């Protein structure tokens, strides 16, 4: 099977791009900076705060559920504007 000129052209482009990448790596392209330990927060403490907030939200939702199921909510609408038919 004889390769066509088009496939040879694409192969040449791929080889050229790979050569550029290899050259950039060999010459010492940009290197990732090392991680700094002074700015890393305490993950355990963050999770404890999240859990405390979730407990607070759960208690508020329990109160709201109790109000809704007990029928102790009264809704009043003041100055309601009449809606126009669409």
C-alpha atoms as a PDB file:
ATOM      1  CA  UNK A   1       0.000   0.000   0.000  1.00  0.00           C
ATOM      2  CA  UNK A   2       1.449   3.378  -1.006  1.00  0.00           C
ATOM      3  CA  UNK A   3       0.762   6.275   1.396  1.00  0.00           C
ATOM      4  CA  UNK A   4      -0.857   9.280  -0.211  1.00  0.00           C
ATOM      5  CA  UNK A   5       0.669  12.743  -0.229  1.00  0.00           C
ATOM      6  CA  UNK A   6      -2.037  13.965   2.128  1.00  0.00           C
ATOM      7  CA  UNK A   7      -1.236  11.376   4.787  1.00  0.00           C
ATOM      8  CA  UNK A   8       2.487  12.078   4.402  1.00  0.00           C
ATOM      9  CA  UNK A   9       1.798  15.786   4.900  1.00  0.00           C
ATOM     10  CA  UNK A  10      -0.203  15.088   8.107  1.00  0.00           C
ATOM     11  CA  UNK A  11       2.512  12.763   9.361  1.00  0.00           C
ATOM     12  CA  UNK A  12       5.080  15.501   8.799  1.00  0.00           C
ATOM     13  CA  UNK A  13       2.952  18.028  10.712  1.00  0.00           C
ATOM     14  CA  UNK A  14       2.524  15.623  13.641  1.00  0.00           C
ATOM     15  CA  UNK A  15       6.250  14.876  13.763  1.00  0.00           C
ATOM     16  CA  UNK A  16       7.068  18.601  13.661  1.00  0.00           C
ATOM     17  CA  UNK A  17       4.676  19.381  16.520  1.00  0.00           C
ATOM     18  CA  UNK A  18       6.019  16.513  18.610  1.00  0.00           C
ATOM     19  CA  UNK A  19       9.543  17.770  17.968  1.00  0.00           C
ATOM     20  CA  UNK A  20       8.556  21.234  19.195  1.00  0.00           C
ATOM     21  CA  UNK A  21       7.024  19.762  22.347  1.00  0.00           C
ATOM     22  CA  UNK A  22      10.124  17.667  22.985  1.00  0.00           C
ATOM     23  CA  UNK A  23      12.371  20.697  22.456  1.00  0.00           C
ATOM     24  CA  UNK A  24      10.281  22.815  24.848  1.00  0.00           C
ATOM     25  CA  UNK A  25      10.454  20.126  27.516  1.00  0.00           C
ATOM     26  CA  UNK A  26      14.184  19.634  27.011  1.00  0.00           C
ATOM     27  CA  UNK A  27      14.927  23.363  27.231  1.00  0.00           C
ATOM     28  CA  UNK A  28      13.047  23.588  30.507  1.00  0.00           C
ATOM     29  CA  UNK A  29       9.621  24.911  29.821  1.00  0.00           C
ATOM     30  CA  UNK A  30       7.377  26.254  32.567  1.00  0.00           C
ATOM     31  CA  UNK A  31       7.492  24.140  35.676  1.00  0.00           C
ATOM     32  CA  UNK A  32       4.636  23.917  38.164  1.00  0.00           C
ATOM     33  CA  UNK A  33       5.323  25.775  41.394  1.00  0.00           C
ATOM     34  CA  UNK A  34       5.546  23.655  44.537  1.00  0.00           C
ATOM     35  CA  UNK A  35       2.543  23.579  46.842  1.00  0.00           C
ATOM     36  CA  UNK A  36       2.717  25.836  49.862  1.00  0.00           C
ATOM     37  CA  UNK A  37       1.640  24.332  53.136  1.00  0.00           C
ATOM     38  CA  UNK A  38       0.943  27.626  54.919  1.00  0.00           C
ATOM     39  CA  UNK A  39      -2.290  28.315  53.016  1.00  0.00           C
ATOM     40  CA  UNK A  40      -3.863  24.862  53.276  1.00  0.00           C
ATOM     41  CA  UNK A  41      -6.847  24.933  55.650  1.00  0.00           C
ATOM     42  CA  UNK A  42      -7.671  22.194  58.111  1.00  0.00           C
ATOM     43  CA  UNK A  43     -10.045  19.879  56.272  1.00  0.00           C
ATOM     44  CA  UNK A  44     -11.246  18.199  59.462  1.00  0.00           C
ATOM     45  CA  UNK A  45     -12.237  21.523  61.017  1.00  0.00           C
ATOM     46  CA  UNK A  46     -14.051  22.523  57.837  1.00  0.00           C
ATOM     47  CA  UNK A  47     -16.045  19.308  57.865  1.00  0.00           C
ATOM     48  CA  UNK A  48     -16.979  19.834  61.524  1.00  0.00           C
ATOM     49  CA  UNK A  49     -18.278  23.341  60.708  1.00  0.00           C
ATOM     50  CA  UNK A  50     -20.259  21.953  57.777  1.00  0.00           C
ATOM     51  CA  UNK A  51     -21.785  19.266  59.989  1.00  0.00           C
ATOM     52  CA  UNK A  52     -22.721  21.857  62.632  1.00  0.00           C
ATOM     53  CA  UNK A  53     -24.391  24.036  59.988  1.00  0.00           C
ATOM     54  CA  UNK A  54     -26.280  21.048  58.609  1.00  0.00           C
ATOM     55  CA  UNK A  55     -27.553  20.232  62.098  1.00  0.00           C
ATOM     56  CA  UNK A  56     -28.774  23.822  62.448  1.00  0.00           C
ATOM     57  CA  UNK A  57     -30.535  23.674  59.080  1.00  0.00           C
ATOM     58  CA  UNK A  58     -32.105  20.330  60.002  1.00  0.00           C
ATOM     59  CA  UNK A  59     -33.514  21.727  63.237  1.00  0.00           C
ATOM     60  CA  UNK A  60     -34.972  24.740  61.396  1.00  0.00           C
ATOM     61  CA  UNK A  61     -36.550  22.455  58.803  1.00  0.00           C
ATOM     62  CA  UNK A  62     -38.020  20.283  61.557  1.00  0.00           C
ATOM     63  CA  UNK A  63     -39.647  23.377  63.095  1.00  0.00           C
ATOM     64  CA  UNK A  64     -41.014  24.453  59.716  1.00  0.00           C
ATOM     65  CA  UNK A  65     -42.353  20.965  59.023  1.00  0.00           C
ATOM     66  CA  UNK A  66     -44.060  20.977  62.409  1.00  0.00           C
ATOM     67  CA  UNK A  67     -45.716  24.312  61.633  1.00  0.00           C
ATOM     68  CA  UNK A  68     -46.892  23.173  58.214  1.00  0.00           C
ATOM     69  CA  UNK A  69     -48.255  19.843  59.406  1.00  0.00           C
ATOM     70  CA  UNK A  70     -49.910  21.396  62.471  1.00  0.00           C
ATOM     71  CA  UNK A  71     -51.893  23.900  60.426  1.00  0.00           C
ATOM     72  CA  UNK A  72     -50.689  26.842  62.528  1.00  0.00           C
ATOM     73  CA  UNK A  73     -49.750  29.057  59.586  1.00  0.00           C
ATOM     74  CA  UNK A  74     -52.006  31.848  58.428  1.00  0.00           C
ATOM     75  CA  UNK A  75     -51.358  33.643  55.147  1.00  0.00           C
ATOM     76  CA  UNK A  76     -52.599  37.183  54.540  1.00  0.00           C
ATOM     77  CA  UNK A  77     -52.302  39.026  51.269  1.00  0.00           C
ATOM     78  CA  UNK A  78     -52.450  42.811  51.390  1.00  0.00           C
ATOM     79  CA  UNK A  79     -52.761  45.187  48.455  1.00  0.00           C
ATOM     80  CA  UNK A  80     -52.955  42.428  45.942  1.00  0.00           C
ATOM     81  CA  UNK A  81     -53.080  43.757  42.404  1.00  0.00           C
ATOM     82  CA  UNK A  82     -55.542  42.028  40.092  1.00  0.00           C
ATOM     83  CA  UNK A  83     -53.847  39.927  37.482  1.00  0.00           C
ATOM     84  CA  UNK A  84     -54.611  40.469  33.836  1.00  0.00           C
ATOM     85  CA  UNK A  85     -55.507  37.541  31.638  1.00  0.00           C
ATOM     86  CA  UNK A  86     -52.642  36.513  29.428  1.00  0.00           C
END
